[in-house]
């Protein structure tokens, strides 16, 4: 499994391929999990909503891989399930938040700076992967609860977020994380 395969699975299984512009979504125009602002930042120029609407999957995977796997150095996570959970949370809520969930899982107390530096990398790759994943997903659930409490308009997304977390929790360590994820989601559909 390459990191690009992992990002593509996140798109296929969680983000979807449809263009959206939900009024409650602060990201605005979005396709494949790539917002208008993120695409503009990646391309280094202004981007229209129409460009987001017509963006292809290969460009979307390039953007998500660069911004949520490569730049924050999450590709350095050795366990595929932990990496999947970290990259998925990063795609869903930002790279710093994805890294904070890892730091929450491996360090006993804050501050969690959201940077995947040498200490975080070492701690994550030494820790028991199942425990790291459980703690990361617990952090994510707490984050969603706080978010919806502060911004009740976000409750419209809660069911999808919780299904995403449940799917990540149900995955078993194995040879092919991506196949297992797709099979799990097909059973839940």
N, C-alpha and C. Protein backbone atom coordinates (compact mmCIF):
# COMPACT_ATOMS: atom_id res chain seq x y z
N UNK A 1 0.84 -1.18 0.00
CA UNK A 1 0.00 0.00 0.00
C UNK A 1 0.89 1.24 0.00
N UNK A 2 0.70 2.07 -0.99
CA UNK A 2 1.42 3.35 -1.00
C UNK A 2 0.58 4.38 -0.25
N UNK A 3 1.21 5.48 0.09
CA UNK A 3 0.48 6.55 0.76
C UNK A 3 -0.57 7.17 -0.17
N UNK A 4 -0.28 7.20 -1.45
CA UNK A 4 -1.29 7.68 -2.42
C UNK A 4 -2.49 6.74 -2.45
N UNK A 5 -2.26 5.43 -2.35
CA UNK A 5 -3.37 4.46 -2.27
C UNK A 5 -4.21 4.73 -1.04
N UNK A 6 -3.55 5.02 0.07
CA UNK A 6 -4.26 5.31 1.31
C UNK A 6 -5.13 6.56 1.15
N UNK A 7 -4.58 7.60 0.57
CA UNK A 7 -5.35 8.84 0.36
C UNK A 7 -6.51 8.56 -0.59
N UNK A 8 -6.28 7.80 -1.64
CA UNK A 8 -7.36 7.48 -2.59
C UNK A 8 -8.47 6.71 -1.87
N UNK A 9 -8.12 5.80 -0.97
CA UNK A 9 -9.13 5.05 -0.22
C UNK A 9 -9.94 5.98 0.68
N UNK A 10 -9.30 6.96 1.28
CA UNK A 10 -10.01 7.93 2.11
C UNK A 10 -11.03 8.68 1.26
N UNK A 11 -10.63 9.07 0.07
CA UNK A 11 -11.57 9.75 -0.84
C UNK A 11 -12.72 8.82 -1.19
N UNK A 12 -12.38 7.62 -1.65
CA UNK A 12 -13.41 6.68 -2.11
C UNK A 12 -14.37 6.28 -0.99
N UNK A 13 -13.83 6.03 0.19
CA UNK A 13 -14.65 5.49 1.28
C UNK A 13 -15.34 6.55 2.13
N UNK A 14 -14.73 7.71 2.28
CA UNK A 14 -15.25 8.69 3.22
C UNK A 14 -15.64 10.03 2.58
N UNK A 15 -14.81 10.54 1.71
CA UNK A 15 -15.05 11.87 1.15
C UNK A 15 -16.05 11.85 0.00
N UNK A 16 -15.96 10.83 -0.82
CA UNK A 16 -16.86 10.73 -1.96
C UNK A 16 -16.36 11.54 -3.15
N UNK A 17 -17.08 11.41 -4.25
CA UNK A 17 -16.65 12.00 -5.52
C UNK A 17 -17.54 13.16 -5.96
N UNK A 18 -18.56 13.47 -5.19
CA UNK A 18 -19.51 14.52 -5.59
C UNK A 18 -19.00 15.91 -5.19
N UNK A 19 -19.40 16.88 -5.98
CA UNK A 19 -19.16 18.28 -5.65
C UNK A 19 -20.21 18.69 -4.62
N UNK A 20 -19.79 19.40 -3.58
CA UNK A 20 -20.73 19.90 -2.57
C UNK A 20 -20.41 21.35 -2.25
N UNK A 21 -21.43 22.03 -1.78
CA UNK A 21 -21.25 23.40 -1.28
C UNK A 21 -22.33 23.60 -0.22
N UNK A 22 -22.23 22.83 0.86
CA UNK A 22 -23.23 22.85 1.93
C UNK A 22 -23.12 24.15 2.71
N UNK A 23 -24.25 24.80 2.98
CA UNK A 23 -24.20 26.09 3.69
C UNK A 23 -23.57 26.01 5.08
N UNK A 24 -23.63 24.87 5.74
CA UNK A 24 -23.05 24.74 7.08
C UNK A 24 -21.57 24.36 7.05
N UNK A 25 -21.04 24.04 5.87
CA UNK A 25 -19.65 23.62 5.75
C UNK A 25 -18.77 24.84 5.53
N UNK A 26 -17.94 25.14 6.51
CA UNK A 26 -17.05 26.31 6.43
C UNK A 26 -16.06 26.19 5.27
N UNK A 27 -15.85 24.98 4.78
CA UNK A 27 -14.92 24.77 3.67
C UNK A 27 -15.43 25.29 2.34
N UNK A 28 -16.73 25.50 2.25
CA UNK A 28 -17.30 26.00 1.00
C UNK A 28 -17.27 24.95 -0.09
N UNK A 29 -17.12 25.36 -1.36
CA UNK A 29 -17.10 24.42 -2.47
C UNK A 29 -16.04 23.35 -2.26
N UNK A 30 -16.46 22.09 -2.37
CA UNK A 30 -15.59 20.96 -2.06
C UNK A 30 -15.87 19.81 -3.01
N UNK A 31 -14.82 19.11 -3.40
CA UNK A 31 -14.95 17.87 -4.16
C UNK A 31 -13.80 16.96 -3.77
N UNK A 32 -14.10 15.70 -3.56
CA UNK A 32 -13.10 14.70 -3.15
C UNK A 32 -12.44 15.05 -1.82
N UNK A 33 -13.06 15.92 -1.02
CA UNK A 33 -12.46 16.37 0.23
C UNK A 33 -11.53 17.56 0.06
N UNK A 34 -11.41 18.08 -1.14
CA UNK A 34 -10.55 19.23 -1.42
C UNK A 34 -11.44 20.48 -1.52
N UNK A 35 -11.18 21.44 -0.64
CA UNK A 35 -11.94 22.69 -0.66
C UNK A 35 -11.35 23.66 -1.68
N UNK A 36 -12.13 24.67 -1.99
CA UNK A 36 -11.68 25.70 -2.92
C UNK A 36 -10.41 26.38 -2.40
N UNK A 37 -10.41 26.69 -1.12
CA UNK A 37 -9.24 27.36 -0.51
C UNK A 37 -8.01 26.46 -0.55
N UNK A 38 -8.19 25.17 -0.26
CA UNK A 38 -7.06 24.24 -0.27
C UNK A 38 -6.50 24.08 -1.69
N UNK A 39 -7.38 23.95 -2.67
CA UNK A 39 -6.92 23.83 -4.05
C UNK A 39 -6.16 25.09 -4.49
N UNK A 40 -6.68 26.26 -4.12
CA UNK A 40 -6.01 27.51 -4.47
C UNK A 40 -4.62 27.57 -3.84
N UNK A 41 -4.53 27.17 -2.58
CA UNK A 41 -3.23 27.17 -1.90
C UNK A 41 -2.26 26.21 -2.58
N UNK A 42 -2.72 25.04 -2.93
CA UNK A 42 -1.88 24.04 -3.58
C UNK A 42 -1.39 24.53 -4.95
N UNK A 43 -2.29 25.16 -5.72
CA UNK A 43 -1.94 25.61 -7.05
C UNK A 43 -1.24 26.97 -7.05
N UNK A 44 -1.32 27.70 -5.92
CA UNK A 44 -0.68 28.99 -5.81
C UNK A 44 -1.35 30.09 -6.60
N UNK A 45 -2.68 29.96 -6.74
CA UNK A 45 -3.42 30.98 -7.48
C UNK A 45 -4.89 30.92 -7.08
N UNK A 46 -5.65 31.93 -7.48
CA UNK A 46 -7.08 31.95 -7.23
C UNK A 46 -7.74 30.79 -7.99
N UNK A 47 -8.74 30.18 -7.37
CA UNK A 47 -9.47 29.07 -7.97
C UNK A 47 -10.96 29.36 -7.85
N UNK A 48 -11.69 29.10 -8.90
CA UNK A 48 -13.14 29.31 -8.88
C UNK A 48 -13.85 28.05 -8.39
N UNK A 49 -15.09 28.22 -7.98
CA UNK A 49 -15.91 27.07 -7.58
C UNK A 49 -16.07 26.11 -8.75
N UNK A 50 -16.14 26.63 -9.97
CA UNK A 50 -16.25 25.76 -11.15
C UNK A 50 -15.01 24.89 -11.32
N UNK A 51 -13.85 25.42 -11.00
CA UNK A 51 -12.62 24.62 -11.08
C UNK A 51 -12.67 23.47 -10.08
N UNK A 52 -13.22 23.74 -8.90
CA UNK A 52 -13.38 22.67 -7.91
C UNK A 52 -14.36 21.64 -8.45
N UNK A 53 -15.47 22.08 -8.99
CA UNK A 53 -16.50 21.19 -9.53
C UNK A 53 -15.93 20.24 -10.60
N UNK A 54 -15.02 20.74 -11.42
CA UNK A 54 -14.49 19.96 -12.55
C UNK A 54 -13.13 19.32 -12.27
N UNK A 55 -12.64 19.43 -11.06
CA UNK A 55 -11.36 18.84 -10.69
C UNK A 55 -11.41 17.32 -10.83
N UNK A 56 -10.33 16.74 -11.31
CA UNK A 56 -10.24 15.28 -11.44
C UNK A 56 -9.70 14.63 -10.18
N UNK A 57 -9.93 13.34 -10.07
CA UNK A 57 -9.50 12.59 -8.89
C UNK A 57 -7.99 12.60 -8.71
N UNK A 58 -7.22 12.56 -9.81
CA UNK A 58 -5.76 12.52 -9.67
C UNK A 58 -5.23 13.81 -9.04
N UNK A 59 -5.75 14.94 -9.46
CA UNK A 59 -5.34 16.21 -8.84
C UNK A 59 -5.75 16.24 -7.38
N UNK A 60 -6.96 15.78 -7.08
CA UNK A 60 -7.42 15.77 -5.68
C UNK A 60 -6.51 14.92 -4.81
N UNK A 61 -6.13 13.74 -5.29
CA UNK A 61 -5.24 12.87 -4.51
C UNK A 61 -3.88 13.55 -4.34
N UNK A 62 -3.39 14.22 -5.38
CA UNK A 62 -2.12 14.96 -5.25
C UNK A 62 -2.21 16.01 -4.14
N UNK A 63 -3.32 16.76 -4.13
CA UNK A 63 -3.50 17.82 -3.13
C UNK A 63 -3.57 17.21 -1.72
N UNK A 64 -4.43 16.23 -1.54
CA UNK A 64 -4.62 15.63 -0.21
C UNK A 64 -3.34 14.94 0.27
N UNK A 65 -2.66 14.24 -0.62
CA UNK A 65 -1.42 13.57 -0.24
C UNK A 65 -0.37 14.61 0.20
N UNK A 66 -0.23 15.65 -0.58
CA UNK A 66 0.75 16.69 -0.26
C UNK A 66 0.45 17.36 1.08
N UNK A 67 -0.79 17.80 1.24
CA UNK A 67 -1.16 18.62 2.39
C UNK A 67 -1.37 17.83 3.68
N UNK A 68 -1.80 16.57 3.58
CA UNK A 68 -2.21 15.84 4.78
C UNK A 68 -1.41 14.57 5.05
N UNK A 69 -0.46 14.26 4.19
CA UNK A 69 0.41 13.12 4.42
C UNK A 69 1.87 13.55 4.33
N UNK A 70 2.24 14.15 3.20
CA UNK A 70 3.65 14.50 2.98
C UNK A 70 4.11 15.68 3.84
N UNK A 71 3.45 16.83 3.71
CA UNK A 71 3.91 18.02 4.45
C UNK A 71 3.94 17.82 5.96
N UNK A 72 2.90 17.22 6.56
CA UNK A 72 2.98 17.01 8.01
C UNK A 72 3.82 15.80 8.41
N UNK A 73 4.40 15.10 7.43
CA UNK A 73 5.30 13.95 7.65
C UNK A 73 4.58 12.71 8.20
N UNK A 74 3.28 12.60 7.99
CA UNK A 74 2.56 11.43 8.48
C UNK A 74 2.93 10.17 7.74
N UNK A 75 3.58 10.29 6.60
CA UNK A 75 4.09 9.12 5.88
C UNK A 75 5.14 8.37 6.72
N UNK A 76 5.68 9.01 7.75
CA UNK A 76 6.69 8.37 8.61
C UNK A 76 6.08 7.46 9.68
N UNK A 77 4.76 7.38 9.74
CA UNK A 77 4.11 6.46 10.68
C UNK A 77 4.23 5.05 10.11
N UNK A 78 4.73 4.13 10.92
CA UNK A 78 5.00 2.79 10.40
C UNK A 78 3.77 1.86 10.40
N UNK A 79 2.85 2.05 11.33
CA UNK A 79 1.68 1.17 11.38
C UNK A 79 0.61 1.68 10.41
N UNK A 80 0.15 0.82 9.48
CA UNK A 80 -0.80 1.29 8.47
C UNK A 80 -2.15 1.75 9.03
N UNK A 81 -2.65 1.13 10.09
CA UNK A 81 -3.93 1.56 10.66
C UNK A 81 -3.79 2.89 11.38
N UNK A 82 -2.71 3.08 12.09
CA UNK A 82 -2.47 4.36 12.76
C UNK A 82 -2.30 5.45 11.72
N UNK A 83 -1.55 5.15 10.66
CA UNK A 83 -1.36 6.13 9.58
C UNK A 83 -2.70 6.48 8.94
N UNK A 84 -3.51 5.48 8.65
CA UNK A 84 -4.83 5.73 8.06
C UNK A 84 -5.66 6.65 8.95
N UNK A 85 -5.71 6.37 10.24
CA UNK A 85 -6.49 7.21 11.16
C UNK A 85 -5.96 8.64 11.22
N UNK A 86 -4.64 8.79 11.24
CA UNK A 86 -4.04 10.13 11.33
C UNK A 86 -4.27 10.92 10.05
N UNK A 87 -4.05 10.29 8.90
CA UNK A 87 -4.24 10.99 7.64
C UNK A 87 -5.73 11.30 7.43
N UNK A 88 -6.61 10.38 7.78
CA UNK A 88 -8.03 10.63 7.62
C UNK A 88 -8.49 11.80 8.48
N UNK A 89 -8.07 11.86 9.73
CA UNK A 89 -8.46 12.97 10.58
C UNK A 89 -7.89 14.27 10.05
N UNK A 90 -6.68 14.22 9.50
CA UNK A 90 -6.07 15.40 8.91
C UNK A 90 -6.88 15.89 7.72
N UNK A 91 -7.29 14.98 6.85
CA UNK A 91 -8.11 15.35 5.69
C UNK A 91 -9.43 15.95 6.17
N UNK A 92 -10.01 15.36 7.20
CA UNK A 92 -11.32 15.78 7.68
C UNK A 92 -11.27 17.09 8.48
N UNK A 93 -10.19 17.32 9.21
CA UNK A 93 -10.18 18.45 10.15
C UNK A 93 -8.88 19.25 10.20
N UNK A 94 -7.95 18.98 9.31
CA UNK A 94 -6.69 19.72 9.28
C UNK A 94 -5.52 18.91 9.82
N UNK A 95 -4.35 19.12 9.23
CA UNK A 95 -3.16 18.34 9.59
C UNK A 95 -2.77 18.51 11.05
N UNK A 96 -2.80 19.72 11.56
CA UNK A 96 -2.40 19.95 12.95
C UNK A 96 -3.31 19.18 13.91
N UNK A 97 -4.59 19.13 13.61
CA UNK A 97 -5.52 18.41 14.48
C UNK A 97 -5.25 16.90 14.40
N UNK A 98 -4.95 16.40 13.22
CA UNK A 98 -4.60 14.98 13.08
C UNK A 98 -3.37 14.63 13.90
N UNK A 99 -2.38 15.51 13.88
CA UNK A 99 -1.16 15.27 14.66
C UNK A 99 -1.46 15.39 16.16
N UNK A 100 -2.29 16.36 16.55
CA UNK A 100 -2.65 16.48 17.97
C UNK A 100 -3.30 15.19 18.48
N UNK A 101 -4.09 14.53 17.64
CA UNK A 101 -4.71 13.28 18.08
C UNK A 101 -3.65 12.22 18.36
N UNK A 102 -2.60 12.20 17.55
CA UNK A 102 -1.47 11.29 17.80
C UNK A 102 -0.77 11.64 19.11
N UNK A 103 -0.54 12.93 19.31
CA UNK A 103 0.14 13.37 20.53
C UNK A 103 -0.69 13.07 21.76
N UNK A 104 -2.00 13.23 21.65
CA UNK A 104 -2.90 12.88 22.75
C UNK A 104 -2.75 11.39 23.08
N UNK A 105 -2.59 10.57 22.05
CA UNK A 105 -2.51 9.13 22.25
C UNK A 105 -1.19 8.68 22.87
N UNK A 106 -0.10 9.41 22.65
CA UNK A 106 1.20 8.92 23.11
C UNK A 106 1.86 9.74 24.21
N UNK A 107 1.36 10.94 24.46
CA UNK A 107 1.94 11.75 25.54
C UNK A 107 0.92 11.91 26.66
N UNK A 108 1.40 11.90 27.89
CA UNK A 108 0.48 11.89 29.03
C UNK A 108 -0.23 13.21 29.27
N UNK A 109 0.35 14.30 28.82
CA UNK A 109 -0.32 15.58 29.09
C UNK A 109 0.02 16.58 27.99
N UNK A 110 -0.84 17.60 27.84
CA UNK A 110 -0.55 18.66 26.88
C UNK A 110 0.67 19.46 27.34
N UNK A 111 1.18 20.35 26.53
CA UNK A 111 0.58 20.84 25.30
C UNK A 111 0.86 19.92 24.12
N UNK A 112 -0.10 19.88 23.22
CA UNK A 112 0.03 19.15 21.98
C UNK A 112 0.17 20.20 20.88
N UNK A 113 1.35 20.27 20.28
CA UNK A 113 1.64 21.38 19.36
C UNK A 113 1.18 21.14 17.92
N UNK A 114 0.75 19.93 17.60
CA UNK A 114 0.27 19.66 16.25
C UNK A 114 1.36 19.51 15.21
N UNK A 115 2.61 19.33 15.66
CA UNK A 115 3.74 19.15 14.75
C UNK A 115 4.27 17.73 14.90
N UNK A 116 4.38 17.01 13.80
CA UNK A 116 4.88 15.64 13.82
C UNK A 116 6.40 15.68 13.72
N UNK A 117 7.02 16.05 14.84
CA UNK A 117 8.47 16.14 14.91
C UNK A 117 9.07 14.82 15.38
N UNK A 118 10.38 14.83 15.64
CA UNK A 118 11.09 13.60 16.01
C UNK A 118 10.55 12.93 17.28
N UNK A 119 10.16 13.72 18.29
CA UNK A 119 9.64 13.12 19.52
C UNK A 119 8.30 12.43 19.29
N UNK A 120 7.43 13.10 18.56
CA UNK A 120 6.13 12.50 18.26
C UNK A 120 6.31 11.26 17.40
N UNK A 121 7.13 11.36 16.37
CA UNK A 121 7.38 10.21 15.48
C UNK A 121 7.88 9.02 16.27
N UNK A 122 8.86 9.23 17.12
CA UNK A 122 9.44 8.15 17.90
C UNK A 122 8.40 7.53 18.84
N UNK A 123 7.66 8.38 19.52
CA UNK A 123 6.64 7.88 20.47
C UNK A 123 5.54 7.11 19.75
N UNK A 124 5.07 7.63 18.62
CA UNK A 124 4.00 6.96 17.87
C UNK A 124 4.47 5.61 17.35
N UNK A 125 5.66 5.55 16.81
CA UNK A 125 6.15 4.31 16.20
C UNK A 125 6.61 3.27 17.22
N UNK A 126 6.80 3.68 18.48
CA UNK A 126 7.16 2.75 19.55
C UNK A 126 5.93 2.24 20.30
N UNK A 127 4.86 3.00 20.29
CA UNK A 127 3.67 2.67 21.09
C UNK A 127 2.89 1.51 20.48
N UNK A 128 2.04 0.91 21.32
CA UNK A 128 1.17 -0.18 20.86
C UNK A 128 0.14 0.40 19.88
N UNK A 129 0.15 -0.04 18.62
CA UNK A 129 -0.71 0.56 17.60
C UNK A 129 -2.20 0.53 17.93
N UNK A 130 -2.70 -0.55 18.49
CA UNK A 130 -4.13 -0.62 18.80
C UNK A 130 -4.52 0.42 19.84
N UNK A 131 -3.67 0.64 20.83
CA UNK A 131 -3.95 1.65 21.85
C UNK A 131 -3.87 3.05 21.26
N UNK A 132 -2.89 3.28 20.41
CA UNK A 132 -2.77 4.60 19.77
C UNK A 132 -4.03 4.89 18.96
N UNK A 133 -4.47 3.91 18.19
CA UNK A 133 -5.67 4.11 17.37
C UNK A 133 -6.89 4.38 18.24
N UNK A 134 -7.07 3.60 19.30
CA UNK A 134 -8.22 3.82 20.20
C UNK A 134 -8.20 5.23 20.78
N UNK A 135 -7.03 5.64 21.26
CA UNK A 135 -6.92 6.96 21.88
C UNK A 135 -7.11 8.09 20.86
N UNK A 136 -6.59 7.90 19.65
CA UNK A 136 -6.79 8.90 18.60
C UNK A 136 -8.27 9.07 18.28
N UNK A 137 -8.97 7.95 18.16
CA UNK A 137 -10.38 8.02 17.83
C UNK A 137 -11.19 8.60 18.98
N UNK A 138 -10.78 8.33 20.22
CA UNK A 138 -11.44 8.95 21.37
C UNK A 138 -11.24 10.47 21.33
N UNK A 139 -10.04 10.91 21.02
CA UNK A 139 -9.77 12.34 20.88
C UNK A 139 -10.67 12.95 19.81
N UNK A 140 -10.82 12.24 18.73
CA UNK A 140 -11.64 12.72 17.61
C UNK A 140 -13.11 12.86 18.01
N UNK A 141 -13.61 11.89 18.76
CA UNK A 141 -14.99 11.97 19.24
C UNK A 141 -15.17 13.16 20.17
N UNK A 142 -14.21 13.37 21.07
CA UNK A 142 -14.27 14.52 21.97
C UNK A 142 -14.24 15.83 21.18
N UNK A 143 -13.40 15.88 20.17
CA UNK A 143 -13.32 17.07 19.32
C UNK A 143 -14.67 17.36 18.67
N UNK A 144 -15.30 16.33 18.12
CA UNK A 144 -16.60 16.50 17.47
C UNK A 144 -17.64 17.00 18.47
N UNK A 145 -17.64 16.44 19.66
CA UNK A 145 -18.57 16.89 20.69
C UNK A 145 -18.38 18.36 21.03
N UNK A 146 -17.13 18.79 21.19
CA UNK A 146 -16.85 20.20 21.50
C UNK A 146 -17.24 21.10 20.33
N UNK A 147 -16.96 20.63 19.11
CA UNK A 147 -17.29 21.42 17.93
C UNK A 147 -18.80 21.64 17.81
N UNK A 148 -19.57 20.58 17.98
CA UNK A 148 -21.02 20.70 17.86
C UNK A 148 -21.60 21.53 18.99
N UNK A 149 -21.00 21.46 20.18
CA UNK A 149 -21.46 22.29 21.29
C UNK A 149 -21.23 23.76 20.99
N UNK A 150 -20.06 24.09 20.43
CA UNK A 150 -19.75 25.49 20.09
C UNK A 150 -20.50 25.96 18.85
N UNK A 151 -20.68 25.07 17.90
CA UNK A 151 -21.32 25.42 16.63
C UNK A 151 -22.41 24.39 16.31
N UNK A 152 -23.59 24.57 16.85
CA UNK A 152 -24.67 23.60 16.63
C UNK A 152 -24.99 23.33 15.17
N UNK A 153 -24.68 24.25 14.28
CA UNK A 153 -24.94 24.04 12.85
C UNK A 153 -24.14 22.85 12.30
N UNK A 154 -23.08 22.46 13.00
CA UNK A 154 -22.25 21.35 12.54
C UNK A 154 -22.86 19.98 12.84
N UNK A 155 -23.92 19.95 13.63
CA UNK A 155 -24.57 18.68 13.96
C UNK A 155 -25.08 17.95 12.72
N UNK A 156 -25.33 18.68 11.66
CA UNK A 156 -25.80 18.07 10.41
C UNK A 156 -24.78 17.07 9.87
N UNK A 157 -23.51 17.21 10.23
CA UNK A 157 -22.45 16.32 9.75
C UNK A 157 -22.12 15.20 10.73
N UNK A 158 -22.72 15.21 11.91
CA UNK A 158 -22.34 14.28 12.99
C UNK A 158 -22.49 12.81 12.59
N UNK A 159 -23.58 12.46 11.95
CA UNK A 159 -23.78 11.05 11.59
C UNK A 159 -22.66 10.55 10.67
N UNK A 160 -22.31 11.33 9.68
CA UNK A 160 -21.23 10.93 8.78
C UNK A 160 -19.89 10.83 9.48
N UNK A 161 -19.62 11.79 10.36
CA UNK A 161 -18.36 11.74 11.11
C UNK A 161 -18.29 10.50 11.99
N UNK A 162 -19.41 10.18 12.65
CA UNK A 162 -19.40 9.02 13.56
C UNK A 162 -19.29 7.70 12.79
N UNK A 163 -19.91 7.62 11.62
CA UNK A 163 -19.76 6.42 10.79
C UNK A 163 -18.30 6.24 10.36
N UNK A 164 -17.67 7.33 10.08
CA UNK A 164 -16.26 7.32 9.67
C UNK A 164 -15.40 6.78 10.81
N UNK A 165 -15.63 7.30 12.00
CA UNK A 165 -14.87 6.86 13.17
C UNK A 165 -15.15 5.39 13.47
N UNK A 166 -16.41 4.99 13.40
CA UNK A 166 -16.77 3.59 13.66
C UNK A 166 -16.06 2.65 12.67
N UNK A 167 -16.02 3.03 11.40
CA UNK A 167 -15.34 2.20 10.41
C UNK A 167 -13.86 2.07 10.73
N UNK A 168 -13.23 3.16 11.14
CA UNK A 168 -11.80 3.11 11.48
C UNK A 168 -11.56 2.26 12.73
N UNK A 169 -12.50 2.29 13.67
CA UNK A 169 -12.35 1.49 14.89
C UNK A 169 -12.54 0.00 14.62
N UNK A 170 -13.41 -0.34 13.68
CA UNK A 170 -13.72 -1.74 13.42
C UNK A 170 -12.66 -2.47 12.61
N UNK A 171 -11.77 -1.73 11.95
CA UNK A 171 -10.73 -2.38 11.16
C UNK A 171 -9.83 -3.23 12.04
N UNK A 172 -9.50 -4.39 11.54
CA UNK A 172 -8.59 -5.29 12.25
C UNK A 172 -7.20 -5.19 11.62
N UNK A 173 -6.16 -5.32 12.43
CA UNK A 173 -4.81 -5.35 11.85
C UNK A 173 -4.73 -6.51 10.86
N UNK A 174 -4.18 -6.24 9.71
CA UNK A 174 -4.10 -7.31 8.70
C UNK A 174 -3.22 -6.91 7.55
N UNK A 175 -3.26 -7.74 6.54
CA UNK A 175 -2.39 -7.54 5.40
C UNK A 175 -2.82 -6.38 4.51
N UNK A 176 -4.14 -6.20 4.33
CA UNK A 176 -4.58 -5.18 3.39
C UNK A 176 -5.62 -4.27 4.01
N UNK A 177 -5.17 -3.22 4.64
CA UNK A 177 -6.04 -2.28 5.33
C UNK A 177 -7.07 -1.68 4.38
N UNK A 178 -6.66 -1.37 3.16
CA UNK A 178 -7.55 -0.69 2.22
C UNK A 178 -8.68 -1.61 1.76
N UNK A 179 -8.37 -2.87 1.48
CA UNK A 179 -9.40 -3.83 1.09
C UNK A 179 -10.35 -4.05 2.25
N UNK A 180 -9.81 -4.20 3.45
CA UNK A 180 -10.64 -4.40 4.64
C UNK A 180 -11.57 -3.21 4.87
N UNK A 181 -11.06 -2.00 4.67
CA UNK A 181 -11.87 -0.80 4.85
C UNK A 181 -13.02 -0.78 3.84
N UNK A 182 -12.72 -1.05 2.60
CA UNK A 182 -13.76 -1.05 1.58
C UNK A 182 -14.82 -2.12 1.86
N UNK A 183 -14.38 -3.31 2.28
CA UNK A 183 -15.33 -4.39 2.59
C UNK A 183 -16.21 -4.02 3.78
N UNK A 184 -15.61 -3.43 4.79
CA UNK A 184 -16.36 -3.01 5.98
C UNK A 184 -17.42 -1.98 5.60
N UNK A 185 -17.06 -1.02 4.79
CA UNK A 185 -18.01 0.01 4.40
C UNK A 185 -19.11 -0.55 3.49
N UNK A 186 -18.78 -1.52 2.65
CA UNK A 186 -19.80 -2.16 1.81
C UNK A 186 -20.82 -2.90 2.67
N UNK A 187 -20.37 -3.55 3.73
CA UNK A 187 -21.29 -4.26 4.65
C UNK A 187 -22.20 -3.28 5.37
N UNK A 188 -21.68 -2.09 5.69
CA UNK A 188 -22.46 -1.10 6.44
C UNK A 188 -23.45 -0.35 5.56
N UNK A 189 -23.25 -0.38 4.25
CA UNK A 189 -24.11 0.39 3.33
C UNK A 189 -25.52 -0.15 3.24
